Amino acid sequence: MCKPEVSVEYLKQAIRFAAECGAPVVNTDEGPKPKWTTEAEDHLLMRYTLMEAAKVAEPRGSQSDLSPTSNTVNTPKAWTGSIAW
């Protein structure tokens, strides 16, 4: 999700596919961290990606689940930074 030029369209397609299959949740993670971004920028990129995904998910009654499995969101403080709109 830290590379929105790729992740936004893939996540939106996954949400549409999941909705067609009857799956209410799409699980994702932040993906590889770009070397050129700061942690704050990573959180901004993830918020953008999640907001774009929400525009596709909400009309379908679907949700996106951000898995806190790697470095960007693996602590409570980091998680809060990702979702603080």
PDB file of N, CA and C in Angstrom:
ATOM      1  N   MET A   1       0.818  -1.191   0.000  1.00  0.00           N
ATOM      2  CA  MET A   1       0.000   0.000   0.000  1.00  0.00           C
ATOM      3  C   MET A   1       0.859   1.250   0.000  1.00  0.00           C
ATOM      4  N   CYS A   2       2.141   1.103   0.259  1.00  0.00           N
ATOM      5  CA  CYS A   2       3.026   2.268   0.242  1.00  0.00           C
ATOM      6  C   CYS A   2       3.410   2.658  -1.180  1.00  0.00           C
ATOM      7  N   LYS A   3       2.942   1.913  -2.167  1.00  0.00           N
ATOM      8  CA  LYS A   3       3.174   2.254  -3.570  1.00  0.00           C
ATOM      9  C   LYS A   3       1.810   2.361  -4.252  1.00  0.00           C
ATOM     10  N   PRO A   4       1.107   3.479  -4.037  1.00  0.00           N
ATOM     11  CA  PRO A   4      -0.271   3.576  -4.525  1.00  0.00           C
ATOM     12  C   PRO A   4      -0.411   3.478  -6.035  1.00  0.00           C
ATOM     13  N   GLU A   5       0.637   3.778  -6.791  1.00  0.00           N
ATOM     14  CA  GLU A   5       0.531   3.667  -8.240  1.00  0.00           C
ATOM     15  C   GLU A   5       0.262   2.224  -8.673  1.00  0.00           C
ATOM     16  N   VAL A   6       0.559   1.280  -7.798  1.00  0.00           N
ATOM     17  CA  VAL A   6       0.302  -0.135  -8.063  1.00  0.00           C
ATOM     18  C   VAL A   6      -0.843  -0.644  -7.192  1.00  0.00           C
ATOM     19  N   SER A   7      -0.752  -0.374  -5.912  1.00  0.00           N
ATOM     20  CA  SER A   7      -1.644  -1.016  -4.949  1.00  0.00           C
ATOM     21  C   SER A   7      -3.096  -0.581  -5.024  1.00  0.00           C
ATOM     22  N   VAL A   8      -3.363   0.666  -5.381  1.00  0.00           N
ATOM     23  CA  VAL A   8      -4.747   1.145  -5.386  1.00  0.00           C
ATOM     24  C   VAL A   8      -5.604   0.314  -6.341  1.00  0.00           C
ATOM     25  N   GLU A   9      -5.162   0.163  -7.564  1.00  0.00           N
ATOM     26  CA  GLU A   9      -5.973  -0.571  -8.544  1.00  0.00           C
ATOM     27  C   GLU A   9      -6.075  -2.054  -8.204  1.00  0.00           C
ATOM     28  N   TYR A  10      -4.985  -2.660  -7.716  1.00  0.00           N
ATOM     29  CA  TYR A  10      -5.047  -4.069  -7.325  1.00  0.00           C
ATOM     30  C   TYR A  10      -6.009  -4.280  -6.154  1.00  0.00           C
ATOM     31  N   LEU A  11      -5.970  -3.392  -5.169  1.00  0.00           N
ATOM     32  CA  LEU A  11      -6.857  -3.529  -4.018  1.00  0.00           C
ATOM     33  C   LEU A  11      -8.314  -3.304  -4.422  1.00  0.00           C
ATOM     34  N   LYS A  12      -8.567  -2.317  -5.261  1.00  0.00           N
ATOM     35  CA  LYS A  12      -9.940  -2.089  -5.720  1.00  0.00           C
ATOM     36  C   LYS A  12     -10.466  -3.289  -6.508  1.00  0.00           C
ATOM     37  N   GLN A  13      -9.622  -3.877  -7.341  1.00  0.00           N
ATOM     38  CA  GLN A  13     -10.040  -5.063  -8.091  1.00  0.00           C
ATOM     39  C   GLN A  13     -10.303  -6.237  -7.144  1.00  0.00           C
ATOM     40  N   ALA A  14      -9.466  -6.398  -6.135  1.00  0.00           N
ATOM     41  CA  ALA A  14      -9.668  -7.474  -5.154  1.00  0.00           C
ATOM     42  C   ALA A  14     -10.992  -7.286  -4.415  1.00  0.00           C
ATOM     43  N   ILE A  15     -11.335  -6.048  -4.089  1.00  0.00           N
ATOM     44  CA  ILE A  15     -12.600  -5.772  -3.403  1.00  0.00           C
ATOM     45  C   ILE A  15     -13.784  -6.115  -4.308  1.00  0.00           C
ATOM     46  N   ARG A  16     -13.707  -5.725  -5.566  1.00  0.00           N
ATOM     47  CA  ARG A  16     -14.791  -6.049  -6.496  1.00  0.00           C
ATOM     48  C   ARG A  16     -14.931  -7.561  -6.664  1.00  0.00           C
ATOM     49  N   PHE A  17     -13.825  -8.256  -6.809  1.00  0.00           N
ATOM     50  CA  PHE A  17     -13.842  -9.711  -6.968  1.00  0.00           C
ATOM     51  C   PHE A  17     -14.402 -10.380  -5.716  1.00  0.00           C
ATOM     52  N   ALA A  18     -13.942  -9.932  -4.546  1.00  0.00           N
ATOM     53  CA  ALA A  18     -14.416 -10.519  -3.289  1.00  0.00           C
ATOM     54  C   ALA A  18     -15.921 -10.319  -3.128  1.00  0.00           C
ATOM     55  N   ALA A  19     -16.402  -9.140  -3.484  1.00  0.00           N
ATOM     56  CA  ALA A  19     -17.844  -8.871  -3.384  1.00  0.00           C
ATOM     57  C   ALA A  19     -18.631  -9.810  -4.292  1.00  0.00           C
ATOM     58  N   GLU A  20     -18.140 -10.048  -5.506  1.00  0.00           N
ATOM     59  CA  GLU A  20     -18.809 -10.971  -6.427  1.00  0.00           C
ATOM     60  C   GLU A  20     -18.833 -12.392  -5.881  1.00  0.00           C
ATOM     61  N   CYS A  21     -17.798 -12.748  -5.119  1.00  0.00           N
ATOM     62  CA  CYS A  21     -17.704 -14.098  -4.541  1.00  0.00           C
ATOM     63  C   CYS A  21     -18.440 -14.216  -3.210  1.00  0.00           C
ATOM     64  N   GLY A  22     -18.902 -13.091  -2.671  1.00  0.00           N
ATOM     65  CA  GLY A  22     -19.606 -13.106  -1.391  1.00  0.00           C
ATOM     66  C   GLY A  22     -18.692 -12.992  -0.185  1.00  0.00           C
ATOM     67  N   ALA A  23     -17.421 -12.683  -0.385  1.00  0.00           N
ATOM     68  CA  ALA A  23     -16.490 -12.505   0.733  1.00  0.00           C
ATOM     69  C   ALA A  23     -16.612 -11.072   1.260  1.00  0.00           C
ATOM     70  N   PRO A  24     -16.890 -10.896   2.542  1.00  0.00           N
ATOM     71  CA  PRO A  24     -17.126  -9.551   3.065  1.00  0.00           C
ATOM     72  C   PRO A  24     -15.867  -8.747   3.376  1.00  0.00           C
ATOM     73  N   VAL A  25     -14.685  -9.407   3.414  1.00  0.00           N
ATOM     74  CA  VAL A  25     -13.457  -8.733   3.834  1.00  0.00           C
ATOM     75  C   VAL A  25     -12.324  -9.072   2.873  1.00  0.00           C
ATOM     76  N   VAL A  26     -11.522  -8.066   2.550  1.00  0.00           N
ATOM     77  CA  VAL A  26     -10.290  -8.265   1.795  1.00  0.00           C
ATOM     78  C   VAL A  26      -9.139  -7.912   2.727  1.00  0.00           C
ATOM     79  N   ASN A  27      -8.218  -8.839   2.922  1.00  0.00           N
ATOM     80  CA  ASN A  27      -7.072  -8.637   3.802  1.00  0.00           C
ATOM     81  C   ASN A  27      -5.877  -8.187   2.972  1.00  0.00           C
ATOM     82  N   THR A  28      -5.175  -7.169   3.446  1.00  0.00           N
ATOM     83  CA  THR A  28      -3.991  -6.671   2.759  1.00  0.00           C
ATOM     84  C   THR A  28      -2.959  -6.247   3.792  1.00  0.00           C
ATOM     85  N   ASP A  29      -1.773  -5.929   3.329  1.00  0.00           N
ATOM     86  CA  ASP A  29      -0.763  -5.338   4.209  1.00  0.00           C
ATOM     87  C   ASP A  29      -0.118  -4.176   3.475  1.00  0.00           C
ATOM     88  N   GLU A  30       0.838  -3.539   4.111  1.00  0.00           N
ATOM     89  CA  GLU A  30       1.398  -2.340   3.497  1.00  0.00           C
ATOM     90  C   GLU A  30       2.386  -2.624   2.384  1.00  0.00           C
ATOM     91  N   GLY A  31       2.816  -3.848   2.230  1.00  0.00           N
ATOM     92  CA  GLY A  31       3.745  -4.183   1.160  1.00  0.00           C
ATOM     93  C   GLY A  31       5.153  -3.693   1.448  1.00  0.00           C
ATOM     94  N   PRO A  32       6.028  -3.791   0.467  1.00  0.00           N
ATOM     95  CA  PRO A  32       7.416  -3.370   0.696  1.00  0.00           C
ATOM     96  C   PRO A  32       7.517  -1.858   0.867  1.00  0.00           C
ATOM     97  N   LYS A  33       8.381  -1.464   1.782  1.00  0.00           N
ATOM     98  CA  LYS A  33       8.579  -0.042   2.051  1.00  0.00           C
ATOM     99  C   LYS A  33       9.523   0.547   1.011  1.00  0.00           C
ATOM    100  N   PRO A  34       9.080   1.625   0.347  1.00  0.00           N
ATOM    101  CA  PRO A  34       9.996   2.300  -0.566  1.00  0.00           C
ATOM    102  C   PRO A  34      11.189   2.878   0.210  1.00  0.00           C
ATOM    103  N   LYS A  35      12.358   2.780  -0.333  1.00  0.00           N
ATOM    104  CA  LYS A  35      13.560   3.277   0.361  1.00  0.00           C
ATOM    105  C   LYS A  35      13.575   4.790   0.484  1.00  0.00           C
ATOM    106  N   TRP A  36      12.852   5.477  -0.374  1.00  0.00           N
ATOM    107  CA  TRP A  36      12.921   6.930  -0.439  1.00  0.00           C
ATOM    108  C   TRP A  36      11.878   7.639   0.405  1.00  0.00           C
ATOM    109  N   THR A  37      11.039   6.902   1.162  1.00  0.00           N
ATOM    110  CA  THR A  37       9.993   7.544   1.964  1.00  0.00           C
ATOM    111  C   THR A  37      10.299   7.478   3.451  1.00  0.00           C
ATOM    112  N   THR A  38       9.759   8.441   4.181  1.00  0.00           N
ATOM    113  CA  THR A  38       9.842   8.420   5.639  1.00  0.00           C
ATOM    114  C   THR A  38       8.657   7.629   6.182  1.00  0.00           C
ATOM    115  N   GLU A  39       8.663   7.341   7.469  1.00  0.00           N
ATOM    116  CA  GLU A  39       7.539   6.630   8.081  1.00  0.00           C
ATOM    117  C   GLU A  39       6.258   7.453   7.970  1.00  0.00           C
ATOM    118  N   ALA A  40       6.366   8.758   8.177  1.00  0.00           N
ATOM    119  CA  ALA A  40       5.184   9.630   8.064  1.00  0.00           C
ATOM    120  C   ALA A  40       4.621   9.598   6.644  1.00  0.00           C
ATOM    121  N   GLU A  41       5.492   9.609   5.655  1.00  0.00           N
ATOM    122  CA  GLU A  41       5.034   9.536   4.270  1.00  0.00           C
ATOM    123  C   GLU A  41       4.377   8.194   3.970  1.00  0.00           C
ATOM    124  N   ASP A  42       4.932   7.116   4.548  1.00  0.00           N
ATOM    125  CA  ASP A  42       4.317   5.792   4.372  1.00  0.00           C
ATOM    126  C   ASP A  42       2.887   5.783   4.890  1.00  0.00           C
ATOM    127  N   HIS A  43       2.676   6.388   6.047  1.00  0.00           N
ATOM    128  CA  HIS A  43       1.326   6.441   6.615  1.00  0.00           C
ATOM    129  C   HIS A  43       0.387   7.263   5.729  1.00  0.00           C
ATOM    130  N   LEU A  44       0.891   8.344   5.177  1.00  0.00           N
ATOM    131  CA  LEU A  44       0.087   9.164   4.275  1.00  0.00           C
ATOM    132  C   LEU A  44      -0.290   8.368   3.017  1.00  0.00           C
ATOM    133  N   LEU A  45       0.655   7.644   2.458  1.00  0.00           N
ATOM    134  CA  LEU A  45       0.382   6.825   1.270  1.00  0.00           C
ATOM    135  C   LEU A  45      -0.629   5.727   1.581  1.00  0.00           C
ATOM    136  N   MET A  46      -0.509   5.114   2.754  1.00  0.00           N
ATOM    137  CA  MET A  46      -1.460   4.064   3.128  1.00  0.00           C
ATOM    138  C   MET A  46      -2.853   4.638   3.335  1.00  0.00           C
ATOM    139  N   ARG A  47      -2.954   5.816   3.953  1.00  0.00           N
ATOM    140  CA  ARG A  47      -4.273   6.449   4.125  1.00  0.00           C
ATOM    141  C   ARG A  47      -4.904   6.734   2.776  1.00  0.00           C
ATOM    142  N   TYR A  48      -4.121   7.241   1.848  1.00  0.00           N
ATOM    143  CA  TYR A  48      -4.645   7.506   0.506  1.00  0.00           C
ATOM    144  C   TYR A  48      -5.177   6.226  -0.123  1.00  0.00           C
ATOM    145  N   THR A  49      -4.379   5.172  -0.064  1.00  0.00           N
ATOM    146  CA  THR A  49      -4.779   3.896  -0.657  1.00  0.00           C
ATOM    147  C   THR A  49      -6.051   3.366  -0.014  1.00  0.00           C
ATOM    148  N   LEU A  50      -6.136   3.431   1.308  1.00  0.00           N
ATOM    149  CA  LEU A  50      -7.325   2.937   2.008  1.00  0.00           C
ATOM    150  C   LEU A  50      -8.555   3.782   1.695  1.00  0.00           C
ATOM    151  N   MET A  51      -8.387   5.086   1.557  1.00  0.00           N
ATOM    152  CA  MET A  51      -9.528   5.943   1.210  1.00  0.00           C
ATOM    153  C   MET A  51     -10.039   5.618  -0.194  1.00  0.00           C
ATOM    154  N   GLU A  52      -9.136   5.396  -1.138  1.00  0.00           N
ATOM    155  CA  GLU A  52      -9.547   5.027  -2.484  1.00  0.00           C
ATOM    156  C   GLU A  52     -10.236   3.661  -2.487  1.00  0.00           C
ATOM    157  N   ALA A  53      -9.710   2.727  -1.706  1.00  0.00           N
ATOM    158  CA  ALA A  53     -10.321   1.400  -1.614  1.00  0.00           C
ATOM    159  C   ALA A  53     -11.706   1.477  -0.971  1.00  0.00           C
ATOM    160  N   ALA A  54     -11.857   2.346   0.019  1.00  0.00           N
ATOM    161  CA  ALA A  54     -13.141   2.487   0.707  1.00  0.00           C
ATOM    162  C   ALA A  54     -14.233   2.963  -0.242  1.00  0.00           C
ATOM    163  N   LYS A  55     -13.873   3.774  -1.230  1.00  0.00           N
ATOM    164  CA  LYS A  55     -14.853   4.247  -2.206  1.00  0.00           C
ATOM    165  C   LYS A  55     -15.442   3.098  -3.023  1.00  0.00           C
ATOM    166  N   VAL A  56     -14.685   2.033  -3.185  1.00  0.00           N
ATOM    167  CA  VAL A  56     -15.155   0.855  -3.910  1.00  0.00           C
ATOM    168  C   VAL A  56     -15.838  -0.120  -2.952  1.00  0.00           C
ATOM    169  N   ALA A  57     -15.300  -0.237  -1.739  1.00  0.00           N
ATOM    170  CA  ALA A  57     -15.801  -1.226  -0.786  1.00  0.00           C
ATOM    171  C   ALA A  57     -17.155  -0.850  -0.182  1.00  0.00           C
ATOM    172  N   GLU A  58     -17.330   0.394   0.190  1.00  0.00           N
ATOM    173  CA  GLU A  58     -18.542   0.799   0.911  1.00  0.00           C
ATOM    174  C   GLU A  58     -19.827   0.512   0.138  1.00  0.00           C
ATOM    175  N   PRO A  59     -19.923   0.839  -1.142  1.00  0.00           N
ATOM    176  CA  PRO A  59     -21.173   0.537  -1.853  1.00  0.00           C
ATOM    177  C   PRO A  59     -21.459  -0.961  -1.966  1.00  0.00           C
ATOM    178  N   ARG A  60     -20.425  -1.764  -1.815  1.00  0.00           N
ATOM    179  CA  ARG A  60     -20.581  -3.216  -1.913  1.00  0.00           C
ATOM    180  C   ARG A  60     -20.753  -3.883  -0.548  1.00  0.00           C
ATOM    181  N   GLY A  61     -20.703  -3.094   0.512  1.00  0.00           N
ATOM    182  CA  GLY A  61     -20.809  -3.649   1.855  1.00  0.00           C
ATOM    183  C   GLY A  61     -19.582  -4.442   2.254  1.00  0.00           C
ATOM    184  N   SER A  62     -18.455  -4.159   1.631  1.00  0.00           N
ATOM    185  CA  SER A  62     -17.201  -4.872   1.913  1.00  0.00           C
ATOM    186  C   SER A  62     -16.311  -4.046   2.817  1.00  0.00           C
ATOM    187  N   GLN A  63     -15.304  -4.708   3.358  1.00  0.00           N
ATOM    188  CA  GLN A  63     -14.324  -4.045   4.209  1.00  0.00           C
ATOM    189  C   GLN A  63     -12.926  -4.464   3.784  1.00  0.00           C
ATOM    190  N   SER A  64     -11.953  -3.591   4.062  1.00  0.00           N
ATOM    191  CA  SER A  64     -10.550  -3.929   3.884  1.00  0.00           C
ATOM    192  C   SER A  64      -9.945  -4.100   5.257  1.00  0.00           C
ATOM    193  N   ASP A  65      -9.150  -5.128   5.424  1.00  0.00           N
ATOM    194  CA  ASP A  65      -8.479  -5.411   6.680  1.00  0.00           C
ATOM    195  C   ASP A  65      -6.995  -5.179   6.471  1.00  0.00           C
ATOM    196  N   LEU A  66      -6.404  -4.266   7.242  1.00  0.00           N
ATOM    197  CA  LEU A  66      -4.975  -4.007   7.161  1.00  0.00           C
ATOM    198  C   LEU A  66      -4.277  -4.882   8.189  1.00  0.00           C
ATOM    199  N   SER A  67      -3.529  -5.851   7.712  1.00  0.00           N
ATOM    200  CA  SER A  67      -2.837  -6.793   8.582  1.00  0.00           C
ATOM    201  C   SER A  67      -1.578  -6.142   9.157  1.00  0.00           C
ATOM    202  N   PRO A  68      -1.470  -6.045  10.476  1.00  0.00           N
ATOM    203  CA  PRO A  68      -0.309  -5.407  11.089  1.00  0.00           C
ATOM    204  C   PRO A  68       0.875  -6.367  11.224  1.00  0.00           C
ATOM    205  N   THR A  69       1.406  -6.831  10.103  1.00  0.00           N
ATOM    206  CA  THR A  69       2.425  -7.875  10.151  1.00  0.00           C
ATOM    207  C   THR A  69       3.841  -7.424   9.866  1.00  0.00           C
ATOM    208  N   SER A  70       4.041  -6.224   9.374  1.00  0.00           N
ATOM    209  CA  SER A  70       5.412  -5.827   9.093  1.00  0.00           C
ATOM    210  C   SER A  70       5.741  -4.484   9.690  1.00  0.00           C
ATOM    211  N   ASN A  71       6.844  -3.916   9.331  1.00  0.00           N
ATOM    212  CA  ASN A  71       7.434  -2.798  10.062  1.00  0.00           C
ATOM    213  C   ASN A  71       6.604  -1.531  10.151  1.00  0.00           C
ATOM    214  N   THR A  72       5.824  -1.212   9.166  1.00  0.00           N
ATOM    215  CA  THR A  72       5.134   0.066   9.169  1.00  0.00           C
ATOM    216  C   THR A  72       4.017   0.144  10.196  1.00  0.00           C
ATOM    217  N   VAL A  73       3.299  -0.956  10.438  1.00  0.00           N
ATOM    218  CA  VAL A  73       2.162  -0.918  11.367  1.00  0.00           C
ATOM    219  C   VAL A  73       2.220  -2.025  12.421  1.00  0.00           C
ATOM    220  N   ASN A  74       3.400  -2.398  12.869  1.00  0.00           N
ATOM    221  CA  ASN A  74       3.483  -3.524  13.796  1.00  0.00           C
ATOM    222  C   ASN A  74       3.525  -3.130  15.271  1.00  0.00           C
ATOM    223  N   THR A  75       3.283  -1.870  15.597  1.00  0.00           N
ATOM    224  CA  THR A  75       3.173  -1.437  16.986  1.00  0.00           C
ATOM    225  C   THR A  75       1.893  -0.623  17.144  1.00  0.00           C
ATOM    226  N   PRO A  76       1.346  -0.537  18.357  1.00  0.00           N
ATOM    227  CA  PRO A  76       0.130   0.267  18.539  1.00  0.00           C
ATOM    228  C   PRO A  76       0.297   1.713  18.100  1.00  0.00           C
ATOM    229  N   LYS A  77       1.464   2.320  18.398  1.00  0.00           N
ATOM    230  CA  LYS A  77       1.680   3.705  17.983  1.00  0.00           C
ATOM    231  C   LYS A  77       1.696   3.824  16.459  1.00  0.00           C
ATOM    232  N   ALA A  78       2.386   2.911  15.787  1.00  0.00           N
ATOM    233  CA  ALA A  78       2.448   2.949  14.327  1.00  0.00           C
ATOM    234  C   ALA A  78       1.074   2.699  13.734  1.00  0.00           C
ATOM    235  N   TRP A  79       0.318   1.772  14.310  1.00  0.00           N
ATOM    236  CA  TRP A  79      -1.036   1.454  13.808  1.00  0.00           C
ATOM    237  C   TRP A  79      -1.916   2.686  13.889  1.00  0.00           C
ATOM    238  N   THR A  80      -1.850   3.400  15.013  1.00  0.00           N
ATOM    239  CA  THR A  80      -2.659   4.607  15.179  1.00  0.00           C
ATOM    240  C   THR A  80      -2.283   5.646  14.139  1.00  0.00           C
ATOM    241  N   GLY A  81      -0.997   5.745  13.797  1.00  0.00           N
ATOM    242  CA  GLY A  81      -0.567   6.692  12.775  1.00  0.00           C
ATOM    243  C   GLY A  81      -1.128   6.371  11.415  1.00  0.00           C
ATOM    244  N   SER A  82      -1.354   5.098  11.146  1.00  0.00           N
ATOM    245  CA  SER A  82      -1.866   4.696   9.845  1.00  0.00           C
ATOM    246  C   SER A  82      -3.340   5.006   9.673  1.00  0.00           C
ATOM    247  N   ILE A  83      -4.092   4.922  10.754  1.00  0.00           N
ATOM    248  CA  ILE A  83      -5.535   5.051  10.617  1.00  0.00           C
ATOM    249  C   ILE A  83      -6.088   6.381  11.112  1.00  0.00           C
ATOM    250  N   ALA A  84      -5.222   7.248  11.591  1.00  0.00           N
ATOM    251  CA  ALA A  84      -5.692   8.551  12.079  1.00  0.00           C
ATOM    252  C   ALA A  84      -6.011   9.436  10.880  1.00  0.00           C
ATOM    253  N   TRP A  85      -7.257   9.501  10.505  1.00  0.00           N
ATOM    254  CA  TRP A  85      -7.638  10.296   9.335  1.00  0.00           C
ATOM    255  C   TRP A  85      -7.594  11.721   9.726  1.00  0.00           C
TER     256      TRP A  85
END
